[in-house]
Amino acid sequence: MHAIRVLLVDDQPMIRTGFRLILEAEPDIEVVGEAPDGAGAVERARSLCPDIVLMDIRMPHMDGVEATRRIVAEGLPSRVVILTTFDLDAHVVDALRAGASAFLVKDGPADSLVDAIRTVAAGDSVLSPRVTHSLLDRFAHLGAPAAPDVPSRLGALTGREVDVLRALSRGLSNAEIALELGVGETTVKTHIAHILEKYGLRDRVQAVILAYDCGLVVPRGRR
């Protein structure tokens, strides 16, 4: 079985050591390298091609947002999990828009770190519905659809794909979407795959951000 290869990126050596100890205790995770800043992260991601880059968001020289942007822009196979000291860090949304696949708070439990790395590496469900809902609640504050009309930027989607995207934006799981729309869960997965493919998105979180940016859903305060 292929071990999940992880690159640790943080400007504090003690933080990197702590994460290494946690991750190397897992039989299916291998720490393949470390970097002290974003520039080093990009360089090491190129040379090591890790499955996961565990990236601090605030670092000198180059922060985690810009490093994430460059890793994604270069088409490297690594997926980025962002680390932040504060769960309301305004830069988290910027990092997700840049292509990060998840975010974690540094003072969270160790098992949440391990679970997130496995989930992101699996690729099927990059963020759980619970984490997606938390993300929306804390950062996007998404509410009702902006209007019955579909924004022009989403014109490539079918009507059912728009319905699925709206449901995703409410933090619903695939099973919940299937129940609400009266279709099978496999059909929901197919619609999500089509949405991601049509707009070049990496995962469902990026799809939610697309819905927010396009005005398909709006902040509660703006309704």
Protein backbone atom coordinates (compact mmCIF):
# COMPACT_ATOMS: atom_id res chain seq x y z
CA MET A 1 0.00 0.00 0.00
CA HIS A 2 1.32 3.42 -0.98
CA ALA A 3 2.03 5.61 2.05
CA ILE A 4 0.70 9.17 1.97
CA ARG A 5 3.76 11.38 1.42
CA VAL A 6 3.61 14.65 3.36
CA LEU A 7 5.68 17.84 3.18
CA LEU A 8 5.63 19.97 6.35
CA VAL A 9 5.80 23.75 5.92
CA ASP A 10 6.04 26.05 8.95
CA ASP A 11 8.48 28.77 10.01
CA GLN A 12 8.67 27.36 13.56
CA PRO A 13 10.92 24.27 13.87
CA MET A 14 9.18 23.07 17.04
CA ILE A 15 5.81 23.09 15.25
CA ARG A 16 7.26 21.04 12.39
CA THR A 17 8.77 18.58 14.88
CA GLY A 18 5.43 18.18 16.65
CA PHE A 19 3.58 17.48 13.43
CA ARG A 20 6.28 15.05 12.33
CA LEU A 21 5.95 13.06 15.55
CA ILE A 22 2.16 12.88 15.14
CA LEU A 23 2.25 11.84 11.50
CA GLU A 24 5.15 9.39 11.64
CA ALA A 25 3.27 7.42 14.29
CA GLU A 26 0.77 6.50 11.57
CA PRO A 27 1.63 3.44 9.45
CA ASP A 28 0.17 4.89 6.26
CA ILE A 29 1.77 8.36 6.41
CA GLU A 30 5.37 9.30 5.59
CA VAL A 31 6.91 12.74 6.15
CA VAL A 32 9.22 13.24 3.17
CA GLY A 33 10.49 16.74 3.88
CA GLU A 34 10.18 20.10 5.59
CA ALA A 35 10.35 23.76 4.57
CA PRO A 36 10.50 26.95 6.70
CA ASP A 37 8.59 29.25 4.34
CA GLY A 38 6.46 29.41 1.20
CA ALA A 39 9.37 29.70 -1.21
CA GLY A 40 10.91 26.57 0.25
CA ALA A 41 7.53 24.86 0.06
CA VAL A 42 7.26 25.47 -3.68
CA GLU A 43 10.84 24.31 -4.27
CA ARG A 44 10.43 21.14 -2.21
CA ALA A 45 7.03 20.39 -3.72
CA ARG A 46 8.72 20.44 -7.13
CA SER A 47 11.55 18.14 -6.10
CA LEU A 48 9.69 15.74 -3.80
CA CYS A 49 6.19 15.67 -5.37
CA PRO A 50 4.47 14.91 -2.03
CA ASP A 51 0.84 13.85 -1.96
CA ILE A 52 0.04 16.47 0.70
CA VAL A 53 1.63 19.80 1.59
CA LEU A 54 0.75 20.72 5.18
CA MET A 55 1.11 24.49 4.85
CA ASP A 56 1.19 27.20 7.50
CA ILE A 57 -0.71 30.24 6.26
CA ARG A 58 1.44 32.97 7.86
CA MET A 59 5.19 32.81 7.14
CA PRO A 60 7.97 35.27 6.25
CA HIS A 61 9.31 35.76 2.71
CA MET A 62 6.34 34.02 1.07
CA ASP A 63 3.10 33.16 2.87
CA GLY A 64 1.03 30.02 2.50
CA VAL A 65 -1.50 31.64 0.17
CA GLU A 66 1.07 32.58 -2.46
CA ALA A 67 2.87 29.25 -2.09
CA THR A 68 -0.43 27.42 -2.59
CA ARG A 69 -1.18 29.53 -5.66
CA ARG A 70 2.18 28.67 -7.22
CA ILE A 71 1.96 24.95 -6.46
CA VAL A 72 -1.48 24.76 -8.06
CA ALA A 73 -0.52 27.00 -11.02
CA GLU A 74 2.44 24.76 -11.84
CA GLY A 75 0.17 21.73 -11.97
CA LEU A 76 2.08 19.87 -9.29
CA PRO A 77 0.32 16.72 -8.03
CA SER A 78 0.41 17.85 -4.39
CA ARG A 79 -2.77 18.83 -2.57
CA VAL A 80 -2.49 21.58 0.03
CA VAL A 81 -3.89 21.49 3.56
CA ILE A 82 -3.69 24.95 5.15
CA LEU A 83 -2.81 25.44 8.82
CA THR A 84 -3.87 28.54 10.70
CA THR A 85 -3.56 29.71 14.30
CA PHE A 86 -6.97 31.37 14.25
CA ASP A 87 -10.05 29.65 12.84
CA LEU A 88 -11.34 33.01 11.59
CA ASP A 89 -8.16 33.89 9.71
CA ALA A 90 -9.29 36.05 6.78
CA HIS A 91 -6.56 34.59 4.58
CA VAL A 92 -8.08 31.10 4.70
CA VAL A 93 -10.62 31.94 2.01
CA ASP A 94 -7.82 33.40 -0.14
CA ALA A 95 -5.92 30.13 0.27
CA LEU A 96 -8.96 28.07 -0.71
CA ARG A 97 -9.50 30.24 -3.76
CA ALA A 98 -5.83 29.73 -4.61
CA GLY A 99 -6.46 25.99 -4.68
CA ALA A 100 -6.02 24.64 -1.15
CA SER A 101 -8.09 21.56 -0.45
CA ALA A 102 -8.73 22.02 3.27
CA PHE A 103 -7.84 24.04 6.33
CA LEU A 104 -7.10 23.09 9.92
CA VAL A 105 -6.62 25.04 13.14
CA LYS A 106 -3.22 24.34 14.70
CA ASP A 107 -4.56 23.77 18.19
CA GLY A 108 -7.07 21.15 17.04
CA PRO A 109 -6.87 17.49 18.11
CA ALA A 110 -4.16 15.32 16.56
CA ASP A 111 -6.67 12.86 15.12
CA SER A 112 -8.32 15.66 13.11
CA LEU A 113 -4.97 16.34 11.44
CA VAL A 114 -4.48 12.70 10.54
CA ASP A 115 -8.07 12.31 9.35
CA ALA A 116 -7.84 15.43 7.18
CA ILE A 117 -4.64 14.23 5.51
CA ARG A 118 -6.19 10.86 4.72
CA THR A 119 -9.40 12.47 3.46
CA VAL A 120 -7.63 14.94 1.19
CA ALA A 121 -5.25 12.28 -0.11
CA ALA A 122 -8.20 10.03 -0.98
CA GLY A 123 -9.58 12.74 -3.23
CA ASP A 124 -13.15 11.43 -3.23
CA SER A 125 -14.44 13.56 -0.38
CA VAL A 126 -11.91 16.32 0.05
CA LEU A 127 -13.82 17.93 2.92
CA SER A 128 -16.54 16.28 4.91
CA PRO A 129 -20.00 17.88 4.81
CA ARG A 130 -19.51 18.93 8.44
CA VAL A 131 -16.26 20.77 7.65
CA THR A 132 -17.78 22.30 4.52
CA HIS A 133 -20.73 23.58 6.53
CA SER A 134 -18.36 25.02 9.15
CA LEU A 135 -16.37 26.74 6.44
CA LEU A 136 -19.45 28.32 4.93
CA ASP A 137 -20.76 29.41 8.29
CA ARG A 138 -17.49 31.04 9.35
CA PHE A 139 -16.34 32.62 6.13
CA ALA A 140 -18.98 32.85 3.43
CA HIS A 141 -22.11 32.96 5.65
CA LEU A 142 -24.07 31.61 2.71
CA GLY A 143 -27.82 31.86 2.81
CA ALA A 144 -30.61 31.64 0.28
CA PRO A 145 -30.15 31.75 -3.49
CA ALA A 146 -29.51 35.28 -4.71
CA ALA A 147 -32.31 35.10 -7.27
CA PRO A 148 -34.29 32.52 -9.21
CA ASP A 149 -32.23 33.33 -12.30
CA VAL A 150 -28.96 31.48 -12.81
CA PRO A 151 -25.93 33.83 -12.99
CA SER A 152 -24.51 34.07 -16.50
CA ARG A 153 -21.13 32.70 -15.39
CA LEU A 154 -22.86 29.42 -14.60
CA GLY A 155 -24.41 29.10 -18.03
CA ALA A 156 -22.41 25.96 -18.76
CA LEU A 157 -24.35 24.04 -16.13
CA THR A 158 -27.59 22.17 -16.66
CA GLY A 159 -30.57 22.98 -14.47
CA ARG A 160 -30.01 19.91 -12.32
CA GLU A 161 -26.32 20.72 -11.93
CA VAL A 162 -27.31 24.19 -10.67
CA ASP A 163 -29.64 22.52 -8.15
CA VAL A 164 -26.78 20.33 -6.96
CA LEU A 165 -24.42 23.32 -6.68
CA ARG A 166 -26.98 25.22 -4.59
CA ALA A 167 -27.31 22.21 -2.30
CA LEU A 168 -23.53 21.89 -2.01
CA SER A 169 -23.43 25.53 -0.97
CA ARG A 170 -25.66 24.70 1.98
CA GLY A 171 -23.16 22.13 3.21
CA LEU A 172 -25.31 19.10 2.35
CA SER A 173 -23.73 15.69 1.93
CA ASN A 174 -24.18 13.65 -1.25
CA ALA A 175 -26.79 11.51 0.50
CA GLU A 176 -28.72 14.58 1.69
CA ILE A 177 -28.62 16.12 -1.80
CA ALA A 178 -29.90 12.87 -3.30
CA LEU A 179 -32.78 12.76 -0.82
CA GLU A 180 -33.71 16.41 -1.41
CA LEU A 181 -33.62 16.15 -5.20
CA GLY A 182 -35.17 12.69 -5.41
CA VAL A 183 -32.26 11.10 -7.28
CA GLY A 184 -29.67 8.44 -6.51
CA GLU A 185 -26.45 9.23 -4.71
CA THR A 186 -24.46 8.02 -7.72
CA THR A 187 -26.30 10.58 -9.87
CA VAL A 188 -25.34 13.33 -7.41
CA LYS A 189 -21.68 12.28 -7.60
CA THR A 190 -21.88 12.41 -11.40
CA HIS A 191 -23.35 15.92 -11.35
CA ILE A 192 -20.63 17.11 -8.97
CA ALA A 193 -17.96 15.61 -11.21
CA HIS A 194 -19.45 17.46 -14.20
CA ILE A 195 -19.47 20.76 -12.29
CA LEU A 196 -15.83 20.35 -11.31
CA GLU A 197 -14.84 19.38 -14.83
CA LYS A 198 -16.68 22.24 -16.55
CA TYR A 199 -15.06 24.90 -14.40
CA GLY A 200 -11.67 23.30 -13.80
CA LEU A 201 -12.27 22.97 -10.05
CA ARG A 202 -10.26 20.68 -7.78
CA ASP A 203 -12.96 19.78 -5.24
CA ARG A 204 -16.39 20.58 -3.78
CA VAL A 205 -15.04 23.44 -1.65
CA GLN A 206 -13.88 25.21 -4.79
CA ALA A 207 -17.37 24.62 -6.22
CA VAL A 208 -18.93 26.31 -3.19
CA ILE A 209 -16.61 29.29 -3.59
CA LEU A 210 -17.63 29.48 -7.27
CA ALA A 211 -21.30 29.60 -6.25
CA TYR A 212 -20.55 32.39 -3.77
CA ASP A 213 -18.42 34.41 -6.20
CA CYS A 214 -20.97 34.09 -9.00
CA GLY A 215 -23.87 35.25 -6.81
CA LEU A 216 -25.76 31.96 -6.90
CA VAL A 217 -25.90 32.28 -3.12
CA VAL A 218 -25.44 35.39 -1.02
CA PRO A 219 -24.34 36.32 2.50
CA ARG A 220 -27.23 36.39 4.94
CA GLY A 221 -26.55 40.02 5.71
CA ARG A 222 -27.08 41.00 2.06
CA ARG A 223 -30.40 39.28 1.45
